[in-house]
Amino acid sequence: MLDEGRPLFVQIAEQIENDILDGTYPEETAVPSTNELANFLRINPATAGKGLNRLVDSGVLYKRRGIGMFVAAGAKQTLMEARRQSFSDEYIVPLMQEAAKLGISADELTELITKEARS
């Protein structure tokens, strides 16, 4: 699961996001605690906590004092919207820029994508 090239707390946050998106953690269910993550991944609890707090700061998780962290209502939709925007920024915008350099129109690009999707 862990990639040496990226910060661990970012990877922890992304893994929990992925688990929320695929339904492993539905809304209003508990996610693993800081200590559970730290023990499972054999990392410093502060690192695991930083990953969880990143999700708290973004409104995906919320804390129940003395009980743990839970998936917020609407978290899945929030994550999907954020990832769609990220997808657009990281893939669609550069694709459109490259297509413009090559003189490929939006309609031609749509046709190319449709053709590739069907193959």
PDB file of N, CA and C in Angstrom:
ATOM      1  N   MET A   1       0.809  -1.185   0.000  1.00  0.00           N
ATOM      2  CA  MET A   1       0.000   0.000   0.000  1.00  0.00           C
ATOM      3  C   MET A   1       0.859   1.259   0.000  1.00  0.00           C
ATOM      4  N   LEU A   2       1.913   1.294   0.792  1.00  0.00           N
ATOM      5  CA  LEU A   2       2.667   2.517   0.949  1.00  0.00           C
ATOM      6  C   LEU A   2       3.748   2.649  -0.113  1.00  0.00           C
ATOM      7  N   ASP A   3       3.843   3.872  -0.651  1.00  0.00           N
ATOM      8  CA  ASP A   3       4.794   4.215  -1.694  1.00  0.00           C
ATOM      9  C   ASP A   3       5.876   5.080  -1.058  1.00  0.00           C
ATOM     10  N   GLU A   4       7.120   4.660  -1.196  1.00  0.00           N
ATOM     11  CA  GLU A   4       8.230   5.375  -0.562  1.00  0.00           C
ATOM     12  C   GLU A   4       8.385   6.804  -1.063  1.00  0.00           C
ATOM     13  N   GLY A   5       7.886   7.097  -2.248  1.00  0.00           N
ATOM     14  CA  GLY A   5       8.118   8.394  -2.852  1.00  0.00           C
ATOM     15  C   GLY A   5       7.168   9.501  -2.415  1.00  0.00           C
ATOM     16  N   ARG A   6       6.123   9.163  -1.682  1.00  0.00           N
ATOM     17  CA  ARG A   6       5.145  10.176  -1.290  1.00  0.00           C
ATOM     18  C   ARG A   6       4.970  10.163   0.222  1.00  0.00           C
ATOM     19  N   PRO A   7       4.618  11.299   0.803  1.00  0.00           N
ATOM     20  CA  PRO A   7       4.449  11.347   2.256  1.00  0.00           C
ATOM     21  C   PRO A   7       3.411  10.319   2.737  1.00  0.00           C
ATOM     22  N   LEU A   8       3.718   9.651   3.834  1.00  0.00           N
ATOM     23  CA  LEU A   8       2.832   8.606   4.358  1.00  0.00           C
ATOM     24  C   LEU A   8       1.457   9.152   4.746  1.00  0.00           C
ATOM     25  N   PHE A   9       1.436  10.351   5.351  1.00  0.00           N
ATOM     26  CA  PHE A   9       0.133  10.877   5.784  1.00  0.00           C
ATOM     27  C   PHE A   9      -0.776  11.142   4.585  1.00  0.00           C
ATOM     28  N   VAL A  10      -0.199  11.518   3.464  1.00  0.00           N
ATOM     29  CA  VAL A  10      -0.991  11.741   2.251  1.00  0.00           C
ATOM     30  C   VAL A  10      -1.539  10.408   1.748  1.00  0.00           C
ATOM     31  N   GLN A  11      -0.703   9.383   1.766  1.00  0.00           N
ATOM     32  CA  GLN A  11      -1.132   8.066   1.308  1.00  0.00           C
ATOM     33  C   GLN A  11      -2.227   7.491   2.202  1.00  0.00           C
ATOM     34  N   ILE A  12      -2.101   7.717   3.503  1.00  0.00           N
ATOM     35  CA  ILE A  12      -3.135   7.242   4.441  1.00  0.00           C
ATOM     36  C   ILE A  12      -4.458   7.937   4.136  1.00  0.00           C
ATOM     37  N   ALA A  13      -4.406   9.242   3.959  1.00  0.00           N
ATOM     38  CA  ALA A  13      -5.628   9.989   3.644  1.00  0.00           C
ATOM     39  C   ALA A  13      -6.240   9.494   2.330  1.00  0.00           C
ATOM     40  N   GLU A  14      -5.415   9.292   1.320  1.00  0.00           N
ATOM     41  CA  GLU A  14      -5.919   8.826   0.021  1.00  0.00           C
ATOM     42  C   GLU A  14      -6.528   7.425   0.125  1.00  0.00           C
ATOM     43  N   GLN A  15      -5.916   6.556   0.926  1.00  0.00           N
ATOM     44  CA  GLN A  15      -6.452   5.201   1.063  1.00  0.00           C
ATOM     45  C   GLN A  15      -7.822   5.228   1.732  1.00  0.00           C
ATOM     46  N   ILE A  16      -7.964   6.058   2.751  1.00  0.00           N
ATOM     47  CA  ILE A  16      -9.273   6.164   3.402  1.00  0.00           C
ATOM     48  C   ILE A  16     -10.287   6.787   2.436  1.00  0.00           C
ATOM     49  N   GLU A  17      -9.847   7.777   1.672  1.00  0.00           N
ATOM     50  CA  GLU A  17     -10.742   8.349   0.653  1.00  0.00           C
ATOM     51  C   GLU A  17     -11.195   7.260  -0.316  1.00  0.00           C
ATOM     52  N   ASN A  18     -10.250   6.449  -0.781  1.00  0.00           N
ATOM     53  CA  ASN A  18     -10.599   5.360  -1.705  1.00  0.00           C
ATOM     54  C   ASN A  18     -11.576   4.388  -1.056  1.00  0.00           C
ATOM     55  N   ASP A  19     -11.364   4.096   0.212  1.00  0.00           N
ATOM     56  CA  ASP A  19     -12.261   3.186   0.929  1.00  0.00           C
ATOM     57  C   ASP A  19     -13.661   3.780   1.083  1.00  0.00           C
ATOM     58  N   ILE A  20     -13.734   5.084   1.248  1.00  0.00           N
ATOM     59  CA  ILE A  20     -15.052   5.734   1.319  1.00  0.00           C
ATOM     60  C   ILE A  20     -15.720   5.673  -0.053  1.00  0.00           C
ATOM     61  N   LEU A  21     -14.957   5.945  -1.102  1.00  0.00           N
ATOM     62  CA  LEU A  21     -15.525   5.938  -2.453  1.00  0.00           C
ATOM     63  C   LEU A  21     -16.002   4.551  -2.872  1.00  0.00           C
ATOM     64  N   ASP A  22     -15.282   3.507  -2.458  1.00  0.00           N
ATOM     65  CA  ASP A  22     -15.709   2.158  -2.880  1.00  0.00           C
ATOM     66  C   ASP A  22     -16.709   1.528  -1.906  1.00  0.00           C
ATOM     67  N   GLY A  23     -17.101   2.269  -0.884  1.00  0.00           N
ATOM     68  CA  GLY A  23     -18.140   1.783   0.021  1.00  0.00           C
ATOM     69  C   GLY A  23     -17.647   0.989   1.215  1.00  0.00           C
ATOM     70  N   THR A  24     -16.340   0.838   1.343  1.00  0.00           N
ATOM     71  CA  THR A  24     -15.804   0.129   2.505  1.00  0.00           C
ATOM     72  C   THR A  24     -16.216   0.838   3.799  1.00  0.00           C
ATOM     73  N   TYR A  25     -16.182   2.168   3.761  1.00  0.00           N
ATOM     74  CA  TYR A  25     -16.617   2.967   4.912  1.00  0.00           C
ATOM     75  C   TYR A  25     -17.783   3.852   4.480  1.00  0.00           C
ATOM     76  N   PRO A  26     -19.004   3.388   4.680  1.00  0.00           N
ATOM     77  CA  PRO A  26     -20.163   4.227   4.348  1.00  0.00           C
ATOM     78  C   PRO A  26     -20.249   5.430   5.288  1.00  0.00           C
ATOM     79  N   GLU A  27     -21.076   6.379   4.919  1.00  0.00           N
ATOM     80  CA  GLU A  27     -21.261   7.570   5.755  1.00  0.00           C
ATOM     81  C   GLU A  27     -21.726   7.165   7.145  1.00  0.00           C
ATOM     82  N   GLU A  28     -21.244   7.891   8.123  1.00  0.00           N
ATOM     83  CA  GLU A  28     -21.572   7.719   9.544  1.00  0.00           C
ATOM     84  C   GLU A  28     -21.010   6.439  10.153  1.00  0.00           C
ATOM     85  N   THR A  29     -20.060   5.801   9.479  1.00  0.00           N
ATOM     86  CA  THR A  29     -19.391   4.648  10.097  1.00  0.00           C
ATOM     87  C   THR A  29     -17.991   5.072  10.545  1.00  0.00           C
ATOM     88  N   ALA A  30     -17.476   4.325  11.507  1.00  0.00           N
ATOM     89  CA  ALA A  30     -16.154   4.623  12.055  1.00  0.00           C
ATOM     90  C   ALA A  30     -15.059   4.180  11.089  1.00  0.00           C
ATOM     91  N   VAL A  31     -13.992   4.932  11.084  1.00  0.00           N
ATOM     92  CA  VAL A  31     -12.789   4.544  10.345  1.00  0.00           C
ATOM     93  C   VAL A  31     -11.762   4.087  11.383  1.00  0.00           C
ATOM     94  N   PRO A  32     -10.711   3.392  10.946  1.00  0.00           N
ATOM     95  CA  PRO A  32      -9.699   2.950  11.920  1.00  0.00           C
ATOM     96  C   PRO A  32      -9.122   4.141  12.697  1.00  0.00           C
ATOM     97  N   SER A  33      -8.825   3.886  13.947  1.00  0.00           N
ATOM     98  CA  SER A  33      -8.261   4.940  14.793  1.00  0.00           C
ATOM     99  C   SER A  33      -6.802   5.197  14.418  1.00  0.00           C
ATOM    100  N   THR A  34      -6.276   6.265  14.962  1.00  0.00           N
ATOM    101  CA  THR A  34      -4.865   6.599  14.754  1.00  0.00           C
ATOM    102  C   THR A  34      -3.976   5.441  15.196  1.00  0.00           C
ATOM    103  N   ASN A  35      -4.259   4.904  16.369  1.00  0.00           N
ATOM    104  CA  ASN A  35      -3.426   3.812  16.882  1.00  0.00           C
ATOM    105  C   ASN A  35      -3.585   2.530  16.058  1.00  0.00           C
ATOM    106  N   GLU A  36      -4.799   2.241  15.619  1.00  0.00           N
ATOM    107  CA  GLU A  36      -5.004   1.058  14.766  1.00  0.00           C
ATOM    108  C   GLU A  36      -4.212   1.187  13.469  1.00  0.00           C
ATOM    109  N   LEU A  37      -4.290   2.365  12.849  1.00  0.00           N
ATOM    110  CA  LEU A  37      -3.525   2.573  11.613  1.00  0.00           C
ATOM    111  C   LEU A  37      -2.024   2.479  11.868  1.00  0.00           C
ATOM    112  N   ALA A  38      -1.584   3.110  12.949  1.00  0.00           N
ATOM    113  CA  ALA A  38      -0.150   3.098  13.261  1.00  0.00           C
ATOM    114  C   ALA A  38       0.348   1.688  13.511  1.00  0.00           C
ATOM    115  N   ASN A  39      -0.426   0.910  14.251  1.00  0.00           N
ATOM    116  CA  ASN A  39      -0.019  -0.478  14.517  1.00  0.00           C
ATOM    117  C   ASN A  39      -0.047  -1.330  13.260  1.00  0.00           C
ATOM    118  N   PHE A  40      -1.096  -1.187  12.469  1.00  0.00           N
ATOM    119  CA  PHE A  40      -1.229  -1.987  11.256  1.00  0.00           C
ATOM    120  C   PHE A  40      -0.122  -1.670  10.254  1.00  0.00           C
ATOM    121  N   LEU A  41       0.162  -0.379  10.087  1.00  0.00           N
ATOM    122  CA  LEU A  41       1.150   0.048   9.091  1.00  0.00           C
ATOM    123  C   LEU A  41       2.562   0.132   9.658  1.00  0.00           C
ATOM    124  N   ARG A  42       2.651  -0.040  10.978  1.00  0.00           N
ATOM    125  CA  ARG A  42       3.947   0.050  11.669  1.00  0.00           C
ATOM    126  C   ARG A  42       4.613   1.400  11.414  1.00  0.00           C
ATOM    127  N   ILE A  43       3.828   2.442  11.701  1.00  0.00           N
ATOM    128  CA  ILE A  43       4.313   3.804  11.540  1.00  0.00           C
ATOM    129  C   ILE A  43       4.069   4.567  12.830  1.00  0.00           C
ATOM    130  N   ASN A  44       4.623   5.760  12.902  1.00  0.00           N
ATOM    131  CA  ASN A  44       4.437   6.628  14.056  1.00  0.00           C
ATOM    132  C   ASN A  44       2.966   7.057  14.137  1.00  0.00           C
ATOM    133  N   PRO A  45       2.342   6.982  15.322  1.00  0.00           N
ATOM    134  CA  PRO A  45       0.949   7.416  15.446  1.00  0.00           C
ATOM    135  C   PRO A  45       0.725   8.864  15.000  1.00  0.00           C
ATOM    136  N   ALA A  46       1.726   9.723  15.166  1.00  0.00           N
ATOM    137  CA  ALA A  46       1.576  11.111  14.730  1.00  0.00           C
ATOM    138  C   ALA A  46       1.376  11.189  13.215  1.00  0.00           C
ATOM    139  N   THR A  47       2.044  10.311  12.482  1.00  0.00           N
ATOM    140  CA  THR A  47       1.894  10.288  11.028  1.00  0.00           C
ATOM    141  C   THR A  47       0.492   9.829  10.641  1.00  0.00           C
ATOM    142  N   ALA A  48       0.022   8.778  11.303  1.00  0.00           N
ATOM    143  CA  ALA A  48      -1.339   8.300  11.032  1.00  0.00           C
ATOM    144  C   ALA A  48      -2.355   9.385  11.388  1.00  0.00           C
ATOM    145  N   GLY A  49      -2.131  10.041  12.515  1.00  0.00           N
ATOM    146  CA  GLY A  49      -3.025  11.114  12.935  1.00  0.00           C
ATOM    147  C   GLY A  49      -3.041  12.268  11.951  1.00  0.00           C
ATOM    148  N   LYS A  50      -1.890  12.562  11.386  1.00  0.00           N
ATOM    149  CA  LYS A  50      -1.818  13.652  10.407  1.00  0.00           C
ATOM    150  C   LYS A  50      -2.661  13.325   9.174  1.00  0.00           C
ATOM    151  N   GLY A  51      -2.629  12.061   8.763  1.00  0.00           N
ATOM    152  CA  GLY A  51      -3.445  11.631   7.627  1.00  0.00           C
ATOM    153  C   GLY A  51      -4.931  11.750   7.928  1.00  0.00           C
ATOM    154  N   LEU A  52      -5.322  11.306   9.123  1.00  0.00           N
ATOM    155  CA  LEU A  52      -6.739  11.402   9.499  1.00  0.00           C
ATOM    156  C   LEU A  52      -7.174  12.859   9.656  1.00  0.00           C
ATOM    157  N   ASN A  53      -6.331  13.655  10.268  1.00  0.00           N
ATOM    158  CA  ASN A  53      -6.683  15.069  10.460  1.00  0.00           C
ATOM    159  C   ASN A  53      -6.816  15.820   9.150  1.00  0.00           C
ATOM    160  N   ARG A  54      -6.060  15.384   8.162  1.00  0.00           N
ATOM    161  CA  ARG A  54      -6.197  15.986   6.828  1.00  0.00           C
ATOM    162  C   ARG A  54      -7.635  15.816   6.331  1.00  0.00           C
ATOM    163  N   LEU A  55      -8.203  14.630   6.589  1.00  0.00           N
ATOM    164  CA  LEU A  55      -9.578  14.362   6.165  1.00  0.00           C
ATOM    165  C   LEU A  55     -10.595  15.091   7.040  1.00  0.00           C
ATOM    166  N   VAL A  56     -10.254  15.269   8.313  1.00  0.00           N
ATOM    167  CA  VAL A  56     -11.122  16.062   9.193  1.00  0.00           C
ATOM    168  C   VAL A  56     -11.149  17.506   8.705  1.00  0.00           C
ATOM    169  N   ASP A  57      -9.985  18.033   8.383  1.00  0.00           N
ATOM    170  CA  ASP A  57      -9.893  19.425   7.910  1.00  0.00           C
ATOM    171  C   ASP A  57     -10.685  19.649   6.620  1.00  0.00           C
ATOM    172  N   SER A  58     -10.766  18.611   5.793  1.00  0.00           N
ATOM    173  CA  SER A  58     -11.493  18.758   4.525  1.00  0.00           C
ATOM    174  C   SER A  58     -12.981  18.430   4.669  1.00  0.00           C
ATOM    175  N   GLY A  59     -13.407  18.043   5.876  1.00  0.00           N
ATOM    176  CA  GLY A  59     -14.817  17.767   6.116  1.00  0.00           C
ATOM    177  C   GLY A  59     -15.263  16.370   5.744  1.00  0.00           C
ATOM    178  N   VAL A  60     -14.324  15.509   5.409  1.00  0.00           N
ATOM    179  CA  VAL A  60     -14.662  14.134   5.032  1.00  0.00           C
ATOM    180  C   VAL A  60     -14.903  13.278   6.275  1.00  0.00           C
ATOM    181  N   LEU A  61     -14.129  13.515   7.313  1.00  0.00           N
ATOM    182  CA  LEU A  61     -14.290  12.799   8.580  1.00  0.00           C
ATOM    183  C   LEU A  61     -14.632  13.810   9.664  1.00  0.00           C
ATOM    184  N   TYR A  62     -15.246  13.314  10.713  1.00  0.00           N
ATOM    185  CA  TYR A  62     -15.450  14.150  11.897  1.00  0.00           C
ATOM    186  C   TYR A  62     -15.143  13.324  13.133  1.00  0.00           C
ATOM    187  N   LYS A  63     -14.793  14.038  14.207  1.00  0.00           N
ATOM    188  CA  LYS A  63     -14.390  13.388  15.454  1.00  0.00           C
ATOM    189  C   LYS A  63     -15.552  13.350  16.417  1.00  0.00           C
ATOM    190  N   ARG A  64     -15.673  12.222  17.102  1.00  0.00           N
ATOM    191  CA  ARG A  64     -16.578  12.125  18.239  1.00  0.00           C
ATOM    192  C   ARG A  64     -15.672  11.902  19.436  1.00  0.00           C
ATOM    193  N   ARG A  65     -15.608  12.896  20.262  1.00  0.00           N
ATOM    194  CA  ARG A  65     -14.685  12.872  21.393  1.00  0.00           C
ATOM    195  C   ARG A  65     -14.848  11.592  22.206  1.00  0.00           C
ATOM    196  N   GLY A  66     -13.731  10.895  22.369  1.00  0.00           N
ATOM    197  CA  GLY A  66     -13.712   9.675  23.166  1.00  0.00           C
ATOM    198  C   GLY A  66     -14.206   8.436  22.442  1.00  0.00           C
ATOM    199  N   ILE A  67     -14.721   8.591  21.229  1.00  0.00           N
ATOM    200  CA  ILE A  67     -15.263   7.446  20.483  1.00  0.00           C
ATOM    201  C   ILE A  67     -14.423   7.134  19.256  1.00  0.00           C
ATOM    202  N   GLY A  68     -14.084   8.163  18.478  1.00  0.00           N
ATOM    203  CA  GLY A  68     -13.273   7.935  17.290  1.00  0.00           C
ATOM    204  C   GLY A  68     -13.625   8.891  16.172  1.00  0.00           C
ATOM    205  N   MET A  69     -13.220   8.508  14.975  1.00  0.00           N
ATOM    206  CA  MET A  69     -13.481   9.320  13.787  1.00  0.00           C
ATOM    207  C   MET A  69     -14.479   8.597  12.896  1.00  0.00           C
ATOM    208  N   PHE A  70     -15.366   9.393  12.294  1.00  0.00           N
ATOM    209  CA  PHE A  70     -16.450   8.839  11.498  1.00  0.00           C
ATOM    210  C   PHE A  70     -16.519   9.543  10.145  1.00  0.00           C
ATOM    211  N   VAL A  71     -17.087   8.834   9.191  1.00  0.00           N
ATOM    212  CA  VAL A  71     -17.263   9.398   7.855  1.00  0.00           C
ATOM    213  C   VAL A  71     -18.441  10.378   7.904  1.00  0.00           C
ATOM    214  N   ALA A  72     -18.201  11.585   7.461  1.00  0.00           N
ATOM    215  CA  ALA A  72     -19.227  12.627   7.492  1.00  0.00           C
ATOM    216  C   ALA A  72     -20.318  12.365   6.463  1.00  0.00           C
ATOM    217  N   ALA A  73     -21.505  12.850   6.753  1.00  0.00           N
ATOM    218  CA  ALA A  73     -22.597  12.783   5.775  1.00  0.00           C
ATOM    219  C   ALA A  73     -22.185  13.580   4.543  1.00  0.00           C
ATOM    220  N   GLY A  74     -22.388  13.018   3.383  1.00  0.00           N
ATOM    221  CA  GLY A  74     -22.039  13.695   2.127  1.00  0.00           C
ATOM    222  C   GLY A  74     -20.579  13.563   1.741  1.00  0.00           C
ATOM    223  N   ALA A  75     -19.815  12.795   2.522  1.00  0.00           N
ATOM    224  CA  ALA A  75     -18.376  12.670   2.257  1.00  0.00           C
ATOM    225  C   ALA A  75     -18.109  12.058   0.881  1.00  0.00           C
ATOM    226  N   LYS A  76     -18.853  11.028   0.534  1.00  0.00           N
ATOM    227  CA  LYS A  76     -18.616  10.366  -0.751  1.00  0.00           C
ATOM    228  C   LYS A  76     -18.838  11.341  -1.900  1.00  0.00           C
ATOM    229  N   GLN A  77     -19.908  12.111  -1.834  1.00  0.00           N
ATOM    230  CA  GLN A  77     -20.197  13.086  -2.889  1.00  0.00           C
ATOM    231  C   GLN A  77     -19.115  14.158  -2.932  1.00  0.00           C
ATOM    232  N   THR A  78     -18.681  14.614  -1.766  1.00  0.00           N
ATOM    233  CA  THR A  78     -17.618  15.619  -1.695  1.00  0.00           C
ATOM    234  C   THR A  78     -16.341  15.096  -2.345  1.00  0.00           C
ATOM    235  N   LEU A  79     -15.992  13.850  -2.027  1.00  0.00           N
ATOM    236  CA  LEU A  79     -14.780  13.252  -2.595  1.00  0.00           C
ATOM    237  C   LEU A  79     -14.904  13.088  -4.103  1.00  0.00           C
ATOM    238  N   MET A  80     -16.081  12.645  -4.556  1.00  0.00           N
ATOM    239  CA  MET A  80     -16.265  12.461  -6.000  1.00  0.00           C
ATOM    240  C   MET A  80     -16.124  13.787  -6.744  1.00  0.00           C
ATOM    241  N   GLU A  81     -16.693  14.847  -6.197  1.00  0.00           N
ATOM    242  CA  GLU A  81     -16.588  16.155  -6.842  1.00  0.00           C
ATOM    243  C   GLU A  81     -15.136  16.637  -6.863  1.00  0.00           C
ATOM    244  N   ALA A  82     -14.434  16.456  -5.761  1.00  0.00           N
ATOM    245  CA  ALA A  82     -13.032  16.879  -5.689  1.00  0.00           C
ATOM    246  C   ALA A  82     -12.177  16.087  -6.668  1.00  0.00           C
ATOM    247  N   ARG A  83     -12.437  14.784  -6.746  1.00  0.00           N
ATOM    248  CA  ARG A  83     -11.638  13.948  -7.657  1.00  0.00           C
ATOM    249  C   ARG A  83     -11.963  14.235  -9.122  1.00  0.00           C
ATOM    250  N   ARG A  84     -13.208  14.550  -9.397  1.00  0.00           N
ATOM    251  CA  ARG A  84     -13.569  14.919 -10.775  1.00  0.00           C
ATOM    252  C   ARG A  84     -12.873  16.205 -11.189  1.00  0.00           C
ATOM    253  N   GLN A  85     -12.830  17.167 -10.264  1.00  0.00           N
ATOM    254  CA  GLN A  85     -12.143  18.414 -10.563  1.00  0.00           C
ATOM    255  C   GLN A  85     -10.654  18.163 -10.764  1.00  0.00           C
ATOM    256  N   SER A  86     -10.094  17.321  -9.907  1.00  0.00           N
ATOM    257  CA  SER A  86      -8.678  16.970 -10.027  1.00  0.00           C
ATOM    258  C   SER A  86      -8.414  16.247 -11.347  1.00  0.00           C
ATOM    259  N   PHE A  87      -9.322  15.351 -11.727  1.00  0.00           N
ATOM    260  CA  PHE A  87      -9.193  14.629 -12.992  1.00  0.00           C
ATOM    261  C   PHE A  87      -9.175  15.613 -14.157  1.00  0.00           C
ATOM    262  N   SER A  88     -10.071  16.563 -14.101  1.00  0.00           N
ATOM    263  CA  SER A  88     -10.128  17.571 -15.154  1.00  0.00           C
ATOM    264  C   SER A  88      -8.831  18.374 -15.210  1.00  0.00           C
ATOM    265  N   ASP A  89      -8.374  18.820 -14.043  1.00  0.00           N
ATOM    266  CA  ASP A  89      -7.157  19.637 -13.994  1.00  0.00           C
ATOM    267  C   ASP A  89      -5.919  18.867 -14.456  1.00  0.00           C
ATOM    268  N   GLU A  90      -5.841  17.591 -14.043  1.00  0.00           N
ATOM    269  CA  GLU A  90      -4.630  16.805 -14.321  1.00  0.00           C
ATOM    270  C   GLU A  90      -4.622  16.142 -15.692  1.00  0.00           C
ATOM    271  N   TYR A  91      -5.810  15.836 -16.225  1.00  0.00           N
ATOM    272  CA  TYR A  91      -5.853  15.086 -17.484  1.00  0.00           C
ATOM    273  C   TYR A  91      -6.551  15.836 -18.622  1.00  0.00           C
ATOM    274  N   ILE A  92      -7.722  16.383 -18.346  1.00  0.00           N
ATOM    275  CA  ILE A  92      -8.504  16.979 -19.423  1.00  0.00           C
ATOM    276  C   ILE A  92      -7.864  18.278 -19.933  1.00  0.00           C
ATOM    277  N   VAL A  93      -7.465  19.144 -19.017  1.00  0.00           N
ATOM    278  CA  VAL A  93      -6.868  20.418 -19.433  1.00  0.00           C
ATOM    279  C   VAL A  93      -5.599  20.175 -20.252  1.00  0.00           C
ATOM    280  N   PRO A  94      -4.664  19.342 -19.776  1.00  0.00           N
ATOM    281  CA  PRO A  94      -3.477  19.076 -20.618  1.00  0.00           C
ATOM    282  C   PRO A  94      -3.834  18.407 -21.948  1.00  0.00           C
ATOM    283  N   LEU A  95      -4.835  17.531 -21.928  1.00  0.00           N
ATOM    284  CA  LEU A  95      -5.273  16.875 -23.162  1.00  0.00           C
ATOM    285  C   LEU A  95      -5.786  17.907 -24.156  1.00  0.00           C
ATOM    286  N   MET A  96      -6.600  18.832 -23.680  1.00  0.00           N
ATOM    287  CA  MET A  96      -7.151  19.871 -24.551  1.00  0.00           C
ATOM    288  C   MET A  96      -6.040  20.785 -25.069  1.00  0.00           C
ATOM    289  N   GLN A  97      -5.085  21.081 -24.222  1.00  0.00           N
ATOM    290  CA  GLN A  97      -3.972  21.937 -24.651  1.00  0.00           C
ATOM    291  C   GLN A  97      -3.156  21.248 -25.744  1.00  0.00           C
ATOM    292  N   GLU A  98      -2.881  19.972 -25.562  1.00  0.00           N
ATOM    293  CA  GLU A  98      -2.115  19.236 -26.565  1.00  0.00           C
ATOM    294  C   GLU A  98      -2.914  19.106 -27.858  1.00  0.00           C
ATOM    295  N   ALA A  99      -4.220  18.863 -27.732  1.00  0.00           N
ATOM    296  CA  ALA A  99      -5.071  18.760 -28.921  1.00  0.00           C
ATOM    297  C   ALA A  99      -5.055  20.074 -29.692  1.00  0.00           C
ATOM    298  N   ALA A 100      -5.101  21.186 -28.969  1.00  0.00           N
ATOM    299  CA  ALA A 100      -5.073  22.492 -29.635  1.00  0.00           C
ATOM    300  C   ALA A 100      -3.764  22.682 -30.391  1.00  0.00           C
ATOM    301  N   LYS A 101      -2.654  22.242 -29.807  1.00  0.00           N
ATOM    302  CA  LYS A 101      -1.354  22.351 -30.476  1.00  0.00           C
ATOM    303  C   LYS A 101      -1.326  21.548 -31.768  1.00  0.00           C
ATOM    304  N   LEU A 102      -2.047  20.431 -31.760  1.00  0.00           N
ATOM    305  CA  LEU A 102      -2.056  19.540 -32.914  1.00  0.00           C
ATOM    306  C   LEU A 102      -3.184  19.860 -33.900  1.00  0.00           C
ATOM    307  N   GLY A 103      -3.983  20.867 -33.578  1.00  0.00           N
ATOM    308  CA  GLY A 103      -5.076  21.244 -34.472  1.00  0.00           C
ATOM    309  C   GLY A 103      -6.249  20.288 -34.420  1.00  0.00           C
ATOM    310  N   ILE A 104      -6.383  19.577 -33.322  1.00  0.00           N
ATOM    311  CA  ILE A 104      -7.503  18.643 -33.163  1.00  0.00           C
ATOM    312  C   ILE A 104      -8.650  19.404 -32.499  1.00  0.00           C
ATOM    313  N   SER A 105      -9.799  19.424 -33.147  1.00  0.00           N
ATOM    314  CA  SER A 105     -10.960  20.138 -32.605  1.00  0.00           C
ATOM    315  C   SER A 105     -11.573  19.338 -31.451  1.00  0.00           C
ATOM    316  N   ALA A 106     -12.432  19.997 -30.699  1.00  0.00           N
ATOM    317  CA  ALA A 106     -13.116  19.327 -29.591  1.00  0.00           C
ATOM    318  C   ALA A 106     -13.961  18.164 -30.106  1.00  0.00           C
ATOM    319  N   ASP A 107     -14.611  18.353 -31.252  1.00  0.00           N
ATOM    320  CA  ASP A 107     -15.417  17.268 -31.818  1.00  0.00           C
ATOM    321  C   ASP A 107     -14.533  16.092 -32.242  1.00  0.00           C
ATOM    322  N   GLU A 108     -13.400  16.405 -32.864  1.00  0.00           N
ATOM    323  CA  GLU A 108     -12.488  15.324 -33.267  1.00  0.00           C
ATOM    324  C   GLU A 108     -11.932  14.603 -32.046  1.00  0.00           C
ATOM    325  N   LEU A 109     -11.647  15.368 -31.001  1.00  0.00           N
ATOM    326  CA  LEU A 109     -11.133  14.768 -29.771  1.00  0.00           C
ATOM    327  C   LEU A 109     -12.188  13.856 -29.139  1.00  0.00           C
ATOM    328  N   THR A 110     -13.419  14.322 -29.133  1.00  0.00           N
ATOM    329  CA  THR A 110     -14.520  13.498 -28.610  1.00  0.00           C
ATOM    330  C   THR A 110     -14.629  12.202 -29.404  1.00  0.00           C
ATOM    331  N   GLU A 111     -14.496  12.324 -30.715  1.00  0.00           N
ATOM    332  CA  GLU A 111     -14.571  11.144 -31.581  1.00  0.00           C
ATOM    333  C   GLU A 111     -13.424  10.170 -31.283  1.00  0.00           C
ATOM    334  N   LEU A 112     -12.224  10.721 -31.083  1.00  0.00           N
ATOM    335  CA  LEU A 112     -11.071   9.868 -30.758  1.00  0.00           C
ATOM    336  C   LEU A 112     -11.268   9.147 -29.416  1.00  0.00           C
ATOM    337  N   ILE A 113     -11.765   9.872 -28.434  1.00  0.00           N
ATOM    338  CA  ILE A 113     -11.987   9.274 -27.116  1.00  0.00           C
ATOM    339  C   ILE A 113     -13.063   8.201 -27.193  1.00  0.00           C
ATOM    340  N   THR A 114     -14.126   8.497 -27.918  1.00  0.00           N
ATOM    341  CA  THR A 114     -15.208   7.523 -28.076  1.00  0.00           C
ATOM    342  C   THR A 114     -14.699   6.264 -28.771  1.00  0.00           C
ATOM    343  N   LYS A 115     -13.891   6.462 -29.794  1.00  0.00           N
ATOM    344  CA  LYS A 115     -13.326   5.325 -30.531  1.00  0.00           C
ATOM    345  C   LYS A 115     -12.452   4.470 -29.607  1.00  0.00           C
ATOM    346  N   GLU A 116     -11.617   5.130 -28.803  1.00  0.00           N
ATOM    347  CA  GLU A 116     -10.747   4.389 -27.879  1.00  0.00           C
ATOM    348  C   GLU A 116     -11.548   3.677 -26.796  1.00  0.00           C
ATOM    349  N   ALA A 117     -12.605   4.312 -26.336  1.00  0.00           N
ATOM    350  CA  ALA A 117     -13.432   3.698 -25.293  1.00  0.00           C
ATOM    351  C   ALA A 117     -14.112   2.427 -25.787  1.00  0.00           C
ATOM    352  N   ARG A 118     -14.407   2.392 -27.082  1.00  0.00           N
ATOM    353  CA  ARG A 118     -15.099   1.230 -27.659  1.00  0.00           C
ATOM    354  C   ARG A 118     -14.146   0.112 -28.058  1.00  0.00           C
ATOM    355  N   SER A 119     -12.860   0.431 -28.160  1.00  0.00           N
ATOM    356  CA  SER A 119     -11.916  -0.621 -28.616  1.00  0.00           C
ATOM    357  C   SER A 119     -11.436  -1.493 -27.470  1.00  0.00           C
TER     358      SER A 119
END
